[in-house]
Amino acid sequence: MDPTTRWISILGIAALCFGLALFVLRVPVRTILIFFAIGVPLIVLWLYADEKSKQQKRVNKISKQGCICSICKHEQAKVCVDQKCACCIMMKGSDIMGHSINPLQ
């Protein structure tokens, strides 16, 4: 996990824990809701940023491969990823899941 997403997760979890601690100490509900209103969006932002960074790492890993597809005749997988070649790119919806370097597709 990179430092940015780590700090987002730490802040979100800390805000939620502090809100729960205030609940245990019977502090007024309005004060507790403030910390929950800060903590929950931070947790959601952390999950979103973590998923995007994983997806970016996957695409970067795919882009470094070579392409030996006899249909598109690209030499680098980066070109296939950019053009979303149907012959050698594995997709799930609009997300690129992988690049096949198998010449016997």
PDB file of N, CA and C in Angstrom:
ATOM      1  N   MET A   1       0.854  -1.172   0.000  1.00  0.00           N
ATOM      2  CA  MET A   1       0.000   0.000   0.000  1.00  0.00           C
ATOM      3  C   MET A   1       0.901   1.237   0.000  1.00  0.00           C
ATOM      4  N   ASP A   2       0.628   2.171  -0.877  1.00  0.00           N
ATOM      5  CA  ASP A   2       1.464   3.376  -0.931  1.00  0.00           C
ATOM      6  C   ASP A   2       1.106   4.326   0.226  1.00  0.00           C
ATOM      7  N   PRO A   3       1.999   5.264   0.547  1.00  0.00           N
ATOM      8  CA  PRO A   3       1.801   6.119   1.732  1.00  0.00           C
ATOM      9  C   PRO A   3       0.509   6.943   1.718  1.00  0.00           C
ATOM     10  N   THR A   4       0.082   7.393   0.555  1.00  0.00           N
ATOM     11  CA  THR A   4      -1.134   8.214   0.489  1.00  0.00           C
ATOM     12  C   THR A   4      -2.360   7.418   0.927  1.00  0.00           C
ATOM     13  N   THR A   5      -2.540   6.238   0.364  1.00  0.00           N
ATOM     14  CA  THR A   5      -3.703   5.436   0.740  1.00  0.00           C
ATOM     15  C   THR A   5      -3.588   4.946   2.181  1.00  0.00           C
ATOM     16  N   ARG A   6      -2.364   4.725   2.649  1.00  0.00           N
ATOM     17  CA  ARG A   6      -2.187   4.303   4.040  1.00  0.00           C
ATOM     18  C   ARG A   6      -2.646   5.397   4.995  1.00  0.00           C
ATOM     19  N   TRP A   7      -2.288   6.657   4.710  1.00  0.00           N
ATOM     20  CA  TRP A   7      -2.690   7.758   5.593  1.00  0.00           C
ATOM     21  C   TRP A   7      -4.196   8.005   5.529  1.00  0.00           C
ATOM     22  N   ILE A   8      -4.780   7.843   4.356  1.00  0.00           N
ATOM     23  CA  ILE A   8      -6.229   8.002   4.241  1.00  0.00           C
ATOM     24  C   ILE A   8      -6.936   6.953   5.095  1.00  0.00           C
ATOM     25  N   SER A   9      -6.438   5.710   5.040  1.00  0.00           N
ATOM     26  CA  SER A   9      -7.065   4.652   5.830  1.00  0.00           C
ATOM     27  C   SER A   9      -6.881   4.879   7.322  1.00  0.00           C
ATOM     28  N   ILE A  10      -5.699   5.324   7.730  1.00  0.00           N
ATOM     29  CA  ILE A  10      -5.440   5.585   9.148  1.00  0.00           C
ATOM     30  C   ILE A  10      -6.352   6.696   9.670  1.00  0.00           C
ATOM     31  N   LEU A  11      -6.474   7.778   8.908  1.00  0.00           N
ATOM     32  CA  LEU A  11      -7.339   8.884   9.337  1.00  0.00           C
ATOM     33  C   LEU A  11      -8.806   8.467   9.418  1.00  0.00           C
ATOM     34  N   GLY A  12      -9.265   7.690   8.437  1.00  0.00           N
ATOM     35  CA  GLY A  12     -10.652   7.238   8.447  1.00  0.00           C
ATOM     36  C   GLY A  12     -10.952   6.317   9.610  1.00  0.00           C
ATOM     37  N   ILE A  13     -10.082   5.364   9.856  1.00  0.00           N
ATOM     38  CA  ILE A  13     -10.287   4.430  10.962  1.00  0.00           C
ATOM     39  C   ILE A  13     -10.188   5.150  12.297  1.00  0.00           C
ATOM     40  N   ALA A  14      -9.250   6.082  12.416  1.00  0.00           N
ATOM     41  CA  ALA A  14      -9.103   6.839  13.668  1.00  0.00           C
ATOM     42  C   ALA A  14     -10.341   7.695  13.945  1.00  0.00           C
ATOM     43  N   ALA A  15     -10.895   8.326  12.903  1.00  0.00           N
ATOM     44  CA  ALA A  15     -12.097   9.147  13.096  1.00  0.00           C
ATOM     45  C   ALA A  15     -13.276   8.286  13.533  1.00  0.00           C
ATOM     46  N   LEU A  16     -13.419   7.104  12.930  1.00  0.00           N
ATOM     47  CA  LEU A  16     -14.509   6.212  13.337  1.00  0.00           C
ATOM     48  C   LEU A  16     -14.313   5.704  14.765  1.00  0.00           C
ATOM     49  N   CYS A  17     -13.083   5.344  15.112  1.00  0.00           N
ATOM     50  CA  CYS A  17     -12.814   4.874  16.484  1.00  0.00           C
ATOM     51  C   CYS A  17     -13.057   5.983  17.511  1.00  0.00           C
ATOM     52  N   PHE A  18     -12.670   7.195  17.178  1.00  0.00           N
ATOM     53  CA  PHE A  18     -12.890   8.313  18.085  1.00  0.00           C
ATOM     54  C   PHE A  18     -14.387   8.583  18.246  1.00  0.00           C
ATOM     55  N   GLY A  19     -15.140   8.446  17.164  1.00  0.00           N
ATOM     56  CA  GLY A  19     -16.592   8.593  17.243  1.00  0.00           C
ATOM     57  C   GLY A  19     -17.218   7.530  18.132  1.00  0.00           C
ATOM     58  N   LEU A  20     -16.732   6.299  18.012  1.00  0.00           N
ATOM     59  CA  LEU A  20     -17.234   5.233  18.880  1.00  0.00           C
ATOM     60  C   LEU A  20     -16.849   5.475  20.340  1.00  0.00           C
ATOM     61  N   ALA A  21     -15.648   5.989  20.564  1.00  0.00           N
ATOM     62  CA  ALA A  21     -15.227   6.294  21.935  1.00  0.00           C
ATOM     63  C   ALA A  21     -16.111   7.390  22.533  1.00  0.00           C
ATOM     64  N   LEU A  22     -16.463   8.375  21.729  1.00  0.00           N
ATOM     65  CA  LEU A  22     -17.364   9.420  22.208  1.00  0.00           C
ATOM     66  C   LEU A  22     -18.747   8.856  22.519  1.00  0.00           C
ATOM     67  N   PHE A  23     -19.175   7.883  21.734  1.00  0.00           N
ATOM     68  CA  PHE A  23     -20.466   7.239  21.997  1.00  0.00           C
ATOM     69  C   PHE A  23     -20.449   6.504  23.342  1.00  0.00           C
ATOM     70  N   VAL A  24     -19.343   5.813  23.612  1.00  0.00           N
ATOM     71  CA  VAL A  24     -19.209   5.091  24.879  1.00  0.00           C
ATOM     72  C   VAL A  24     -19.197   6.062  26.057  1.00  0.00           C
ATOM     73  N   LEU A  25     -18.582   7.226  25.852  1.00  0.00           N
ATOM     74  CA  LEU A  25     -18.508   8.236  26.913  1.00  0.00           C
ATOM     75  C   LEU A  25     -19.785   9.072  27.016  1.00  0.00           C
ATOM     76  N   ARG A  26     -20.785   8.754  26.221  1.00  0.00           N
ATOM     77  CA  ARG A  26     -22.098   9.421  26.237  1.00  0.00           C
ATOM     78  C   ARG A  26     -22.009  10.924  25.950  1.00  0.00           C
ATOM     79  N   VAL A  27     -21.245  11.236  24.926  1.00  0.00           N
ATOM     80  CA  VAL A  27     -21.149  12.614  24.434  1.00  0.00           C
ATOM     81  C   VAL A  27     -22.370  12.846  23.542  1.00  0.00           C
ATOM     82  N   PRO A  28     -22.833  14.098  23.401  1.00  0.00           N
ATOM     83  CA  PRO A  28     -24.011  14.360  22.559  1.00  0.00           C
ATOM     84  C   PRO A  28     -23.848  13.809  21.132  1.00  0.00           C
ATOM     85  N   VAL A  29     -24.970  13.377  20.575  1.00  0.00           N
ATOM     86  CA  VAL A  29     -24.987  12.687  19.286  1.00  0.00           C
ATOM     87  C   VAL A  29     -24.465  13.567  18.151  1.00  0.00           C
ATOM     88  N   ARG A  30     -24.732  14.863  18.219  1.00  0.00           N
ATOM     89  CA  ARG A  30     -24.265  15.761  17.154  1.00  0.00           C
ATOM     90  C   ARG A  30     -22.746  15.729  17.021  1.00  0.00           C
ATOM     91  N   THR A  31     -22.043  15.657  18.111  1.00  0.00           N
ATOM     92  CA  THR A  31     -20.581  15.603  18.080  1.00  0.00           C
ATOM     93  C   THR A  31     -20.102  14.281  17.481  1.00  0.00           C
ATOM     94  N   ILE A  32     -20.764  13.209  17.838  1.00  0.00           N
ATOM     95  CA  ILE A  32     -20.396  11.893  17.307  1.00  0.00           C
ATOM     96  C   ILE A  32     -20.629  11.842  15.798  1.00  0.00           C
ATOM     97  N   LEU A  33     -21.741  12.413  15.347  1.00  0.00           N
ATOM     98  CA  LEU A  33     -22.060  12.409  13.917  1.00  0.00           C
ATOM     99  C   LEU A  33     -21.018  13.164  13.097  1.00  0.00           C
ATOM    100  N   ILE A  34     -20.408  14.178  13.674  1.00  0.00           N
ATOM    101  CA  ILE A  34     -19.355  14.912  12.968  1.00  0.00           C
ATOM    102  C   ILE A  34     -18.183  13.984  12.651  1.00  0.00           C
ATOM    103  N   PHE A  35     -17.766  13.186  13.635  1.00  0.00           N
ATOM    104  CA  PHE A  35     -16.642  12.285  13.397  1.00  0.00           C
ATOM    105  C   PHE A  35     -17.014  11.140  12.461  1.00  0.00           C
ATOM    106  N   PHE A  36     -18.261  10.666  12.541  1.00  0.00           N
ATOM    107  CA  PHE A  36     -18.695   9.654  11.586  1.00  0.00           C
ATOM    108  C   PHE A  36     -18.787  10.249  10.173  1.00  0.00           C
ATOM    109  N   ALA A  37     -19.196  11.511  10.078  1.00  0.00           N
ATOM    110  CA  ALA A  37     -19.294  12.171   8.772  1.00  0.00           C
ATOM    111  C   ALA A  37     -17.914  12.401   8.167  1.00  0.00           C
ATOM    112  N   ILE A  38     -16.892  12.461   8.987  1.00  0.00           N
ATOM    113  CA  ILE A  38     -15.518  12.576   8.484  1.00  0.00           C
ATOM    114  C   ILE A  38     -14.950  11.190   8.179  1.00  0.00           C
ATOM    115  N   GLY A  39     -15.200  10.223   9.045  1.00  0.00           N
ATOM    116  CA  GLY A  39     -14.594   8.900   8.929  1.00  0.00           C
ATOM    117  C   GLY A  39     -15.112   8.063   7.774  1.00  0.00           C
ATOM    118  N   VAL A  40     -16.410   8.040   7.577  1.00  0.00           N
ATOM    119  CA  VAL A  40     -16.992   7.192   6.533  1.00  0.00           C
ATOM    120  C   VAL A  40     -16.544   7.617   5.134  1.00  0.00           C
ATOM    121  N   PRO A  41     -16.579   8.904   4.765  1.00  0.00           N
ATOM    122  CA  PRO A  41     -16.074   9.265   3.437  1.00  0.00           C
ATOM    123  C   PRO A  41     -14.578   8.984   3.262  1.00  0.00           C
ATOM    124  N   LEU A  42     -13.805   9.096   4.333  1.00  0.00           N
ATOM    125  CA  LEU A  42     -12.377   8.770   4.225  1.00  0.00           C
ATOM    126  C   LEU A  42     -12.173   7.285   3.954  1.00  0.00           C
ATOM    127  N   ILE A  43     -12.963   6.445   4.578  1.00  0.00           N
ATOM    128  CA  ILE A  43     -12.864   5.008   4.321  1.00  0.00           C
ATOM    129  C   ILE A  43     -13.267   4.706   2.878  1.00  0.00           C
ATOM    130  N   VAL A  44     -14.332   5.329   2.396  1.00  0.00           N
ATOM    131  CA  VAL A  44     -14.764   5.128   1.010  1.00  0.00           C
ATOM    132  C   VAL A  44     -13.700   5.636   0.037  1.00  0.00           C
ATOM    133  N   LEU A  45     -13.108   6.786   0.326  1.00  0.00           N
ATOM    134  CA  LEU A  45     -12.033   7.322  -0.515  1.00  0.00           C
ATOM    135  C   LEU A  45     -10.837   6.389  -0.520  1.00  0.00           C
ATOM    136  N   TRP A  46     -10.518   5.807   0.632  1.00  0.00           N
ATOM    137  CA  TRP A  46      -9.404   4.870   0.716  1.00  0.00           C
ATOM    138  C   TRP A  46      -9.663   3.642  -0.156  1.00  0.00           C
ATOM    139  N   LEU A  47     -10.872   3.075  -0.095  1.00  0.00           N
ATOM    140  CA  LEU A  47     -11.194   1.905  -0.913  1.00  0.00           C
ATOM    141  C   LEU A  47     -11.125   2.234  -2.403  1.00  0.00           C
ATOM    142  N   TYR A  48     -11.610   3.410  -2.783  1.00  0.00           N
ATOM    143  CA  TYR A  48     -11.578   3.833  -4.184  1.00  0.00           C
ATOM    144  C   TYR A  48     -10.135   4.034  -4.665  1.00  0.00           C
ATOM    145  N   ALA A  49      -9.320   4.731  -3.867  1.00  0.00           N
ATOM    146  CA  ALA A  49      -7.938   4.995  -4.261  1.00  0.00           C
ATOM    147  C   ALA A  49      -7.126   3.715  -4.324  1.00  0.00           C
ATOM    148  N   ASP A  50      -7.381   2.791  -3.418  1.00  0.00           N
ATOM    149  CA  ASP A  50      -6.663   1.518  -3.419  1.00  0.00           C
ATOM    150  C   ASP A  50      -7.005   0.703  -4.659  1.00  0.00           C
ATOM    151  N   GLU A  51      -8.272   0.666  -5.029  1.00  0.00           N
ATOM    152  CA  GLU A  51      -8.681  -0.079  -6.218  1.00  0.00           C
ATOM    153  C   GLU A  51      -8.101   0.541  -7.487  1.00  0.00           C
ATOM    154  N   LYS A  52      -8.103   1.865  -7.577  1.00  0.00           N
ATOM    155  CA  LYS A  52      -7.540   2.533  -8.750  1.00  0.00           C
ATOM    156  C   LYS A  52      -6.033   2.299  -8.859  1.00  0.00           C
ATOM    157  N   SER A  53      -5.324   2.304  -7.732  1.00  0.00           N
ATOM    158  CA  SER A  53      -3.878   2.076  -7.789  1.00  0.00           C
ATOM    159  C   SER A  53      -3.576   0.635  -8.189  1.00  0.00           C
ATOM    160  N   LYS A  54      -4.391  -0.336  -7.739  1.00  0.00           N
ATOM    161  CA  LYS A  54      -4.207  -1.726  -8.159  1.00  0.00           C
ATOM    162  C   LYS A  54      -4.447  -1.867  -9.656  1.00  0.00           C
ATOM    163  N   GLN A  55      -5.486  -1.189 -10.146  1.00  0.00           N
ATOM    164  CA  GLN A  55      -5.793  -1.256 -11.570  1.00  0.00           C
ATOM    165  C   GLN A  55      -4.675  -0.621 -12.396  1.00  0.00           C
ATOM    166  N   GLN A  56      -4.122   0.487 -11.927  1.00  0.00           N
ATOM    167  CA  GLN A  56      -3.040   1.154 -12.641  1.00  0.00           C
ATOM    168  C   GLN A  56      -1.786   0.284 -12.661  1.00  0.00           C
ATOM    169  N   LYS A  57      -1.480  -0.385 -11.555  1.00  0.00           N
ATOM    170  CA  LYS A  57      -0.325  -1.285 -11.513  1.00  0.00           C
ATOM    171  C   LYS A  57      -0.513  -2.442 -12.484  1.00  0.00           C
ATOM    172  N   ARG A  58      -1.747  -2.963 -12.580  1.00  0.00           N
ATOM    173  CA  ARG A  58      -2.033  -4.066 -13.491  1.00  0.00           C
ATOM    174  C   ARG A  58      -1.817  -3.636 -14.936  1.00  0.00           C
ATOM    175  N   VAL A  59      -2.295  -2.442 -15.285  1.00  0.00           N
ATOM    176  CA  VAL A  59      -2.131  -1.944 -16.652  1.00  0.00           C
ATOM    177  C   VAL A  59      -0.658  -1.679 -16.949  1.00  0.00           C
ATOM    178  N   ASN A  60       0.092  -1.136 -15.982  1.00  0.00           N
ATOM    179  CA  ASN A  60       1.520  -0.900 -16.192  1.00  0.00           C
ATOM    180  C   ASN A  60       2.274  -2.212 -16.383  1.00  0.00           C
ATOM    181  N   LYS A  61       1.895  -3.236 -15.634  1.00  0.00           N
ATOM    182  CA  LYS A  61       2.535  -4.544 -15.770  1.00  0.00           C
ATOM    183  C   LYS A  61       2.250  -5.125 -17.149  1.00  0.00           C
ATOM    184  N   ILE A  62       1.014  -4.987 -17.609  1.00  0.00           N
ATOM    185  CA  ILE A  62       0.625  -5.494 -18.925  1.00  0.00           C
ATOM    186  C   ILE A  62       1.365  -4.733 -20.025  1.00  0.00           C
ATOM    187  N   SER A  63       1.523  -3.426 -19.851  1.00  0.00           N
ATOM    188  CA  SER A  63       2.128  -2.587 -20.887  1.00  0.00           C
ATOM    189  C   SER A  63       3.591  -2.908 -21.136  1.00  0.00           C
ATOM    190  N   LYS A  64       4.266  -3.530 -20.181  1.00  0.00           N
ATOM    191  CA  LYS A  64       5.687  -3.854 -20.346  1.00  0.00           C
ATOM    192  C   LYS A  64       5.905  -5.134 -21.137  1.00  0.00           C
ATOM    193  N   GLN A  65       4.842  -5.905 -21.382  1.00  0.00           N
ATOM    194  CA  GLN A  65       4.969  -7.153 -22.121  1.00  0.00           C
ATOM    195  C   GLN A  65       5.134  -6.878 -23.612  1.00  0.00           C
ATOM    196  N   GLY A  66       5.619  -7.874 -24.304  1.00  0.00           N
ATOM    197  CA  GLY A  66       5.665  -7.813 -25.752  1.00  0.00           C
ATOM    198  C   GLY A  66       4.409  -8.446 -26.315  1.00  0.00           C
ATOM    199  N   CYS A  67       4.083  -8.159 -27.543  1.00  0.00           N
ATOM    200  CA  CYS A  67       2.897  -8.731 -28.190  1.00  0.00           C
ATOM    201  C   CYS A  67       3.348  -9.504 -29.425  1.00  0.00           C
ATOM    202  N   ILE A  68       2.974 -10.776 -29.470  1.00  0.00           N
ATOM    203  CA  ILE A  68       3.337 -11.598 -30.633  1.00  0.00           C
ATOM    204  C   ILE A  68       2.085 -12.083 -31.362  1.00  0.00           C
ATOM    205  N   CYS A  69       1.016 -11.325 -31.226  1.00  0.00           N
ATOM    206  CA  CYS A  69      -0.253 -11.674 -31.859  1.00  0.00           C
ATOM    207  C   CYS A  69      -0.107 -11.582 -33.379  1.00  0.00           C
ATOM    208  N   SER A  70      -0.559 -12.615 -34.080  1.00  0.00           N
ATOM    209  CA  SER A  70      -0.448 -12.612 -35.540  1.00  0.00           C
ATOM    210  C   SER A  70      -1.574 -11.830 -36.204  1.00  0.00           C
ATOM    211  N   ILE A  71      -2.564 -11.402 -35.433  1.00  0.00           N
ATOM    212  CA  ILE A  71      -3.690 -10.659 -36.007  1.00  0.00           C
ATOM    213  C   ILE A  71      -3.407  -9.169 -36.028  1.00  0.00           C
ATOM    214  N   CYS A  72      -3.056  -8.590 -34.866  1.00  0.00           N
ATOM    215  CA  CYS A  72      -2.855  -7.141 -34.812  1.00  0.00           C
ATOM    216  C   CYS A  72      -1.435  -6.726 -35.176  1.00  0.00           C
ATOM    217  N   LYS A  73      -0.475  -7.625 -35.028  1.00  0.00           N
ATOM    218  CA  LYS A  73       0.928  -7.404 -35.405  1.00  0.00           C
ATOM    219  C   LYS A  73       1.576  -6.206 -34.701  1.00  0.00           C
ATOM    220  N   HIS A  74       1.158  -5.938 -33.463  1.00  0.00           N
ATOM    221  CA  HIS A  74       1.831  -4.926 -32.654  1.00  0.00           C
ATOM    222  C   HIS A  74       3.054  -5.564 -32.017  1.00  0.00           C
ATOM    223  N   GLU A  75       4.050  -4.767 -31.732  1.00  0.00           N
ATOM    224  CA  GLU A  75       5.243  -5.314 -31.098  1.00  0.00           C
ATOM    225  C   GLU A  75       5.213  -5.154 -29.585  1.00  0.00           C
ATOM    226  N   GLN A  76       4.492  -4.173 -29.077  1.00  0.00           N
ATOM    227  CA  GLN A  76       4.404  -3.934 -27.642  1.00  0.00           C
ATOM    228  C   GLN A  76       2.943  -4.038 -27.200  1.00  0.00           C
ATOM    229  N   ALA A  77       2.754  -4.573 -26.004  1.00  0.00           N
ATOM    230  CA  ALA A  77       1.400  -4.704 -25.471  1.00  0.00           C
ATOM    231  C   ALA A  77       0.795  -3.344 -25.135  1.00  0.00           C
ATOM    232  N   LYS A  78       1.645  -2.328 -24.945  1.00  0.00           N
ATOM    233  CA  LYS A  78       1.146  -0.981 -24.638  1.00  0.00           C
ATOM    234  C   LYS A  78       0.256  -0.471 -25.758  1.00  0.00           C
ATOM    235  N   VAL A  79       0.633  -0.753 -27.000  1.00  0.00           N
ATOM    236  CA  VAL A  79      -0.173  -0.331 -28.149  1.00  0.00           C
ATOM    237  C   VAL A  79      -1.512  -1.066 -28.141  1.00  0.00           C
ATOM    238  N   CYS A  80      -1.476  -2.363 -27.807  1.00  0.00           N
ATOM    239  CA  CYS A  80      -2.724  -3.139 -27.730  1.00  0.00           C
ATOM    240  C   CYS A  80      -3.642  -2.603 -26.643  1.00  0.00           C
ATOM    241  N   VAL A  81      -3.054  -2.238 -25.494  1.00  0.00           N
ATOM    242  CA  VAL A  81      -3.853  -1.700 -24.393  1.00  0.00           C
ATOM    243  C   VAL A  81      -4.456  -0.364 -24.784  1.00  0.00           C
ATOM    244  N   ASP A  82      -3.668   0.497 -25.434  1.00  0.00           N
ATOM    245  CA  ASP A  82      -4.177   1.811 -25.838  1.00  0.00           C
ATOM    246  C   ASP A  82      -5.304   1.684 -26.864  1.00  0.00           C
ATOM    247  N   GLN A  83      -5.152   0.761 -27.812  1.00  0.00           N
ATOM    248  CA  GLN A  83      -6.149   0.602 -28.870  1.00  0.00           C
ATOM    249  C   GLN A  83      -7.239  -0.413 -28.506  1.00  0.00           C
ATOM    250  N   LYS A  84      -7.079  -1.099 -27.368  1.00  0.00           N
ATOM    251  CA  LYS A  84      -8.023  -2.124 -26.898  1.00  0.00           C
ATOM    252  C   LYS A  84      -8.305  -3.154 -27.990  1.00  0.00           C
ATOM    253  N   CYS A  85      -7.245  -3.767 -28.485  1.00  0.00           N
ATOM    254  CA  CYS A  85      -7.366  -4.793 -29.522  1.00  0.00           C
ATOM    255  C   CYS A  85      -8.189  -5.964 -28.998  1.00  0.00           C
ATOM    256  N   ALA A  86      -9.194  -6.346 -29.731  1.00  0.00           N
ATOM    257  CA  ALA A  86     -10.061  -7.444 -29.319  1.00  0.00           C
ATOM    258  C   ALA A  86      -9.380  -8.795 -29.481  1.00  0.00           C
ATOM    259  N   CYS A  87      -8.328  -8.852 -30.262  1.00  0.00           N
ATOM    260  CA  CYS A  87      -7.686 -10.137 -30.526  1.00  0.00           C
ATOM    261  C   CYS A  87      -6.802 -10.617 -29.381  1.00  0.00           C
ATOM    262  N   CYS A  88      -6.246  -9.741 -28.584  1.00  0.00           N
ATOM    263  CA  CYS A  88      -5.302 -10.196 -27.553  1.00  0.00           C
ATOM    264  C   CYS A  88      -5.487  -9.526 -26.195  1.00  0.00           C
ATOM    265  N   ILE A  89      -6.504  -8.687 -26.005  1.00  0.00           N
ATOM    266  CA  ILE A  89      -6.759  -8.040 -24.719  1.00  0.00           C
ATOM    267  C   ILE A  89      -7.959  -8.719 -24.061  1.00  0.00           C
ATOM    268  N   MET A  90      -7.800  -9.078 -22.783  1.00  0.00           N
ATOM    269  CA  MET A  90      -8.903  -9.655 -22.026  1.00  0.00           C
ATOM    270  C   MET A  90      -9.555  -8.525 -21.220  1.00  0.00           C
ATOM    271  N   MET A  91     -10.851  -8.325 -21.423  1.00  0.00           N
ATOM    272  CA  MET A  91     -11.551  -7.229 -20.767  1.00  0.00           C
ATOM    273  C   MET A  91     -12.753  -7.764 -19.992  1.00  0.00           C
ATOM    274  N   LYS A  92     -13.091  -7.034 -18.931  1.00  0.00           N
ATOM    275  CA  LYS A  92     -14.302  -7.308 -18.164  1.00  0.00           C
ATOM    276  C   LYS A  92     -15.044  -5.989 -18.090  1.00  0.00           C
ATOM    277  N   GLY A  93     -16.069  -5.857 -18.900  1.00  0.00           N
ATOM    278  CA  GLY A  93     -16.751  -4.572 -19.011  1.00  0.00           C
ATOM    279  C   GLY A  93     -15.851  -3.603 -19.762  1.00  0.00           C
ATOM    280  N   SER A  94     -15.513  -2.493 -19.135  1.00  0.00           N
ATOM    281  CA  SER A  94     -14.600  -1.534 -19.764  1.00  0.00           C
ATOM    282  C   SER A  94     -13.210  -1.578 -19.125  1.00  0.00           C
ATOM    283  N   ASP A  95     -12.997  -2.508 -18.175  1.00  0.00           N
ATOM    284  CA  ASP A  95     -11.702  -2.632 -17.500  1.00  0.00           C
ATOM    285  C   ASP A  95     -10.848  -3.683 -18.199  1.00  0.00           C
ATOM    286  N   ILE A  96      -9.581  -3.385 -18.371  1.00  0.00           N
ATOM    287  CA  ILE A  96      -8.640  -4.315 -18.986  1.00  0.00           C
ATOM    288  C   ILE A  96      -8.158  -5.270 -17.910  1.00  0.00           C
ATOM    289  N   MET A  97      -8.371  -6.562 -18.120  1.00  0.00           N
ATOM    290  CA  MET A  97      -7.978  -7.571 -17.140  1.00  0.00           C
ATOM    291  C   MET A  97      -6.626  -8.193 -17.468  1.00  0.00           C
ATOM    292  N   GLY A  98      -6.243  -8.239 -18.729  1.00  0.00           N
ATOM    293  CA  GLY A  98      -4.962  -8.841 -19.072  1.00  0.00           C
ATOM    294  C   GLY A  98      -4.687  -8.787 -20.563  1.00  0.00           C
ATOM    295  N   HIS A  99      -3.481  -9.239 -20.910  1.00  0.00           N
ATOM    296  CA  HIS A  99      -3.041  -9.287 -22.296  1.00  0.00           C
ATOM    297  C   HIS A  99      -2.493 -10.680 -22.549  1.00  0.00           C
ATOM    298  N   SER A 100      -2.985 -11.312 -23.576  1.00  0.00           N
ATOM    299  CA  SER A 100      -2.555 -12.664 -23.881  1.00  0.00           C
ATOM    300  C   SER A 100      -1.386 -12.613 -24.860  1.00  0.00           C
ATOM    301  N   ILE A 101      -0.325 -13.313 -24.522  1.00  0.00           N
ATOM    302  CA  ILE A 101       0.823 -13.380 -25.428  1.00  0.00           C
ATOM    303  C   ILE A 101       0.894 -14.758 -26.076  1.00  0.00           C
ATOM    304  N   ASN A 102      -0.211 -15.483 -26.027  1.00  0.00           N
ATOM    305  CA  ASN A 102      -0.288 -16.796 -26.628  1.00  0.00           C
ATOM    306  C   ASN A 102      -0.557 -16.648 -28.123  1.00  0.00           C
ATOM    307  N   PRO A 103       0.338 -17.115 -29.000  1.00  0.00           N
ATOM    308  CA  PRO A 103       0.119 -16.959 -30.440  1.00  0.00           C
ATOM    309  C   PRO A 103      -0.940 -17.923 -30.989  1.00  0.00           C
ATOM    310  N   LEU A 104      -1.374 -18.909 -30.200  1.00  0.00           N
ATOM    311  CA  LEU A 104      -2.345 -19.884 -30.663  1.00  0.00           C
ATOM    312  C   LEU A 104      -3.733 -19.632 -30.092  1.00  0.00           C
ATOM    313  N   GLN A 105      -4.172 -18.412 -30.120  1.00  0.00           N
ATOM    314  CA  GLN A 105      -5.471 -18.068 -29.544  1.00  0.00           C
ATOM    315  C   GLN A 105      -6.581 -18.666 -30.374  1.00  0.00           C
TER     316      GLN A 105
END
